[in-house]
Amino acid sequence: FNRRRGPTRGQDVHAVFQMDLRQAVEGAEVSIEVPDQGTVRVRIPPGADTGSVIRLPGKGGPGARGGPAGDLVIETEVKPHPLIRRDGLDLTLTLPVTLDEAYNGASIDVPTFDGTVVLKIPPRSQNGARLRLRGKGIERKSTRGDLFVELDVRMPDKADDKLGAALRDSAAADR
C-alpha cells in the first residue's frame, strides 16, 4: 500500500575505462560512449589507479515520470606498462646499464613522466640495486611518490679477451 507514485530517479550506468599508465599519471580528458546519452566527456584526475571510481551525477539512465537521471559511474583500469611497475604512488623502472657503468659509476639520463633526469650510479653497483629519485613518482593531490630505478647490469655481446683477462685477474685478487 505504500507505493510511490511520483517521479523516480534513473538507474546508475556503470562503465569501465581502460587507460595507459601515462594517462593515469598525468590525468586525461576522455570521451566515453554512454547508452541513451551519447558521448560524454570525462576528466580523469591525475594519479588515478585501477579501481578508482569517478561519479558524474545526472549522466546515467533517464528518470521515470520526470524524475532525475541516474549517475554515470566510471571505474578506471590501468593497463600494465612494458617497462614500469606501479606500487601505489611509487614507480619502479628497470634500467639496463653496462658493466662499465655499474663498476666505475656513471651519470646517465633516466626518462620520467616529467622529463629526463640525470641519475648518478655509484661505483661498483650490483645487478638489481635500487636507486631512488624522490618525488618523481605519481602525484595525487598534495602527495607525490618516488621513482625507483632498478639496475639491470648487461654483459657485452661480443667476446673481449682483455675484459676476460681483467675479470679473471680481479677474481684471483678477491681470493
Protein backbone atom coordinates (compact mmCIF):
# COMPACT_ATOMS: atom_id res chain seq x y z
CA PHE A 1 0.00 0.00 0.00
CA ASN A 2 2.97 2.36 0.43
CA ARG A 3 3.83 2.66 -3.27
CA ARG A 4 5.46 5.83 -4.51
CA ARG A 5 3.64 7.38 -7.42
CA GLY A 6 5.83 10.41 -8.06
CA PRO A 7 8.92 10.77 -10.21
CA THR A 8 11.66 8.21 -9.68
CA ARG A 9 15.39 8.56 -10.12
CA GLY A 10 17.01 6.85 -13.13
CA GLN A 11 19.37 3.92 -12.95
CA ASP A 12 23.08 4.47 -12.50
CA VAL A 13 25.06 3.50 -15.58
CA HIS A 14 28.37 1.73 -14.92
CA ALA A 15 31.33 1.75 -17.29
CA VAL A 16 34.95 0.64 -17.18
CA PHE A 17 37.56 2.83 -18.85
CA GLN A 18 40.93 1.30 -19.74
CA MET A 19 43.83 3.72 -19.80
CA ASP A 20 47.59 3.59 -20.15
CA LEU A 21 49.96 4.49 -17.31
CA ARG A 22 50.77 7.93 -18.74
CA GLN A 23 47.06 8.89 -18.71
CA ALA A 24 46.79 7.64 -15.13
CA VAL A 25 49.85 9.61 -14.01
CA GLU A 26 49.04 12.87 -15.80
CA GLY A 27 45.24 12.71 -15.85
CA ALA A 28 43.29 12.93 -19.08
CA GLU A 29 40.10 14.17 -20.65
CA VAL A 30 38.43 11.30 -22.48
CA SER A 31 35.21 10.58 -24.37
CA ILE A 32 33.02 7.69 -23.23
CA GLU A 33 30.02 6.40 -25.18
CA VAL A 34 27.01 6.04 -22.84
CA PRO A 35 23.77 4.33 -23.90
CA ASP A 36 20.86 6.81 -24.21
CA GLN A 37 23.28 9.71 -23.57
CA GLY A 38 25.71 9.60 -26.50
CA THR A 39 29.29 10.70 -25.99
CA VAL A 40 30.20 12.11 -22.57
CA ARG A 41 33.47 13.96 -21.86
CA VAL A 42 35.08 12.80 -18.63
CA ARG A 43 38.07 14.28 -16.79
CA ILE A 44 40.24 11.55 -15.26
CA PRO A 45 42.20 13.17 -12.40
CA PRO A 46 45.99 12.74 -12.13
CA GLY A 47 47.01 9.76 -10.01
CA ALA A 48 44.07 7.52 -10.99
CA ASP A 49 44.65 3.82 -10.38
CA THR A 50 42.91 0.57 -11.23
CA GLY A 51 39.66 0.60 -9.26
CA SER A 52 39.41 4.41 -8.99
CA VAL A 53 35.77 5.50 -9.32
CA ILE A 54 34.51 8.68 -10.95
CA ARG A 55 30.84 9.57 -10.48
CA LEU A 56 29.10 12.02 -12.81
CA PRO A 57 25.71 12.98 -11.33
CA GLY A 58 22.80 13.10 -13.75
CA LYS A 59 24.66 11.44 -16.66
CA GLY A 60 23.18 7.95 -16.16
CA GLY A 61 19.86 6.44 -17.16
CA PRO A 62 16.79 8.71 -17.51
CA GLY A 63 14.38 9.00 -14.58
CA ALA A 64 10.79 7.75 -14.77
CA ARG A 65 7.82 10.15 -14.78
CA GLY A 66 10.04 13.22 -14.97
CA GLY A 67 12.45 12.11 -12.23
CA PRO A 68 16.13 12.98 -12.22
CA ALA A 69 18.59 10.95 -14.25
CA GLY A 70 20.85 8.45 -12.52
CA ASP A 71 24.62 8.83 -12.28
CA LEU A 72 27.34 7.69 -14.64
CA VAL A 73 29.81 5.65 -12.56
CA ILE A 74 33.17 5.06 -14.24
CA GLU A 75 35.75 2.64 -12.88
CA THR A 76 39.28 3.05 -14.21
CA GLU A 77 41.55 0.19 -15.20
CA VAL A 78 45.24 0.98 -15.81
CA LYS A 79 46.93 -1.24 -18.40
CA PRO A 80 50.38 -2.61 -17.46
CA HIS A 81 53.38 -0.65 -18.80
CA PRO A 82 56.14 -2.68 -20.51
CA LEU A 83 59.00 -1.04 -18.53
CA ILE A 84 57.48 0.48 -15.39
CA ARG A 85 55.73 -1.15 -12.44
CA ARG A 86 53.43 0.75 -10.11
CA ASP A 87 53.02 0.31 -6.37
CA GLY A 88 50.59 2.92 -5.04
CA LEU A 89 52.19 6.28 -5.83
CA ASP A 90 55.67 4.79 -6.36
CA LEU A 91 57.02 3.65 -9.72
CA THR A 92 59.83 1.19 -10.47
CA LEU A 93 61.79 1.34 -13.73
CA THR A 94 64.17 -1.48 -14.70
CA LEU A 95 67.13 0.21 -16.40
CA PRO A 96 69.78 -1.66 -18.41
CA VAL A 97 73.33 -0.45 -17.66
CA THR A 98 76.68 -1.58 -18.99
CA LEU A 99 79.27 -3.42 -16.93
CA ASP A 100 81.45 -0.29 -17.12
CA GLU A 101 78.65 1.96 -15.79
CA ALA A 102 77.94 -0.43 -12.93
CA TYR A 103 81.58 -0.99 -11.97
CA ASN A 104 83.03 2.51 -12.45
CA GLY A 105 79.89 4.53 -11.73
CA ALA A 106 78.27 6.91 -14.20
CA SER A 107 75.77 9.69 -14.68
CA ILE A 108 73.00 8.54 -17.01
CA ASP A 109 69.79 10.05 -18.34
CA VAL A 110 66.62 8.46 -16.98
CA PRO A 111 63.23 9.08 -18.62
CA THR A 112 60.43 10.11 -16.25
CA PHE A 113 56.88 11.31 -16.88
CA ASP A 114 58.15 14.82 -16.01
CA GLY A 115 61.05 14.68 -18.48
CA THR A 116 64.57 13.31 -18.41
CA VAL A 117 66.63 13.49 -15.19
CA VAL A 118 70.28 12.62 -14.53
CA LEU A 119 70.90 9.69 -12.17
CA LYS A 120 74.30 9.05 -10.61
CA ILE A 121 75.15 5.36 -10.45
CA PRO A 122 77.59 4.73 -7.59
CA PRO A 123 80.78 2.80 -8.42
CA ARG A 124 80.56 -0.99 -8.01
CA SER A 125 76.75 -1.06 -8.13
CA GLN A 126 75.32 -4.55 -8.16
CA ASN A 127 72.75 -6.04 -10.51
CA GLY A 128 69.28 -5.40 -9.05
CA ALA A 129 70.40 -2.40 -6.96
CA ARG A 130 67.53 0.06 -6.36
CA LEU A 131 68.22 3.78 -6.58
CA ARG A 132 65.57 6.32 -5.59
CA LEU A 133 64.55 9.52 -7.37
CA ARG A 134 62.49 11.35 -4.74
CA GLY A 135 59.30 12.98 -5.90
CA LYS A 136 59.41 11.53 -9.43
CA GLY A 137 56.57 9.07 -8.89
CA ILE A 138 52.83 9.64 -9.17
CA GLU A 139 51.24 12.77 -7.75
CA ARG A 140 47.79 12.63 -6.17
CA LYS A 141 46.50 15.76 -4.50
CA SER A 142 49.36 17.02 -2.28
CA THR A 143 51.26 13.71 -2.09
CA ARG A 144 53.93 12.55 -4.52
CA GLY A 145 55.54 9.12 -4.77
CA ASP A 146 59.10 8.20 -5.75
CA LEU A 147 60.63 6.61 -8.83
CA PHE A 148 62.87 3.64 -8.06
CA VAL A 149 65.43 2.68 -10.70
CA GLU A 150 66.40 -0.99 -10.60
CA LEU A 151 69.75 -1.63 -12.29
CA ASP A 152 69.94 -4.45 -14.84
CA VAL A 153 73.67 -4.92 -15.47
CA ARG A 154 74.26 -6.19 -19.00
CA MET A 155 77.33 -8.08 -20.18
CA PRO A 156 78.96 -7.16 -23.50
CA ASP A 157 77.55 -9.00 -26.54
CA LYS A 158 80.97 -9.60 -28.13
CA ALA A 159 83.89 -11.54 -26.77
CA ASP A 160 86.70 -9.35 -25.47
CA ASP A 161 89.93 -11.10 -24.49
CA LYS A 162 91.23 -8.12 -22.49
CA LEU A 163 87.99 -7.86 -20.48
CA GLY A 164 88.01 -11.60 -19.84
CA ALA A 165 91.62 -11.47 -18.61
CA ALA A 166 90.87 -8.43 -16.40
CA LEU A 167 87.90 -10.22 -14.84
CA ARG A 168 89.98 -13.39 -14.21
CA ASP A 169 92.71 -11.25 -12.57
CA SER A 170 90.08 -9.50 -10.45
CA ALA A 171 88.56 -12.80 -9.33
CA ALA A 172 92.03 -14.12 -8.41
CA ALA A 173 92.74 -10.97 -6.35
CA ASP A 174 89.48 -11.43 -4.37
CA ARG A 175 90.52 -14.90 -3.15
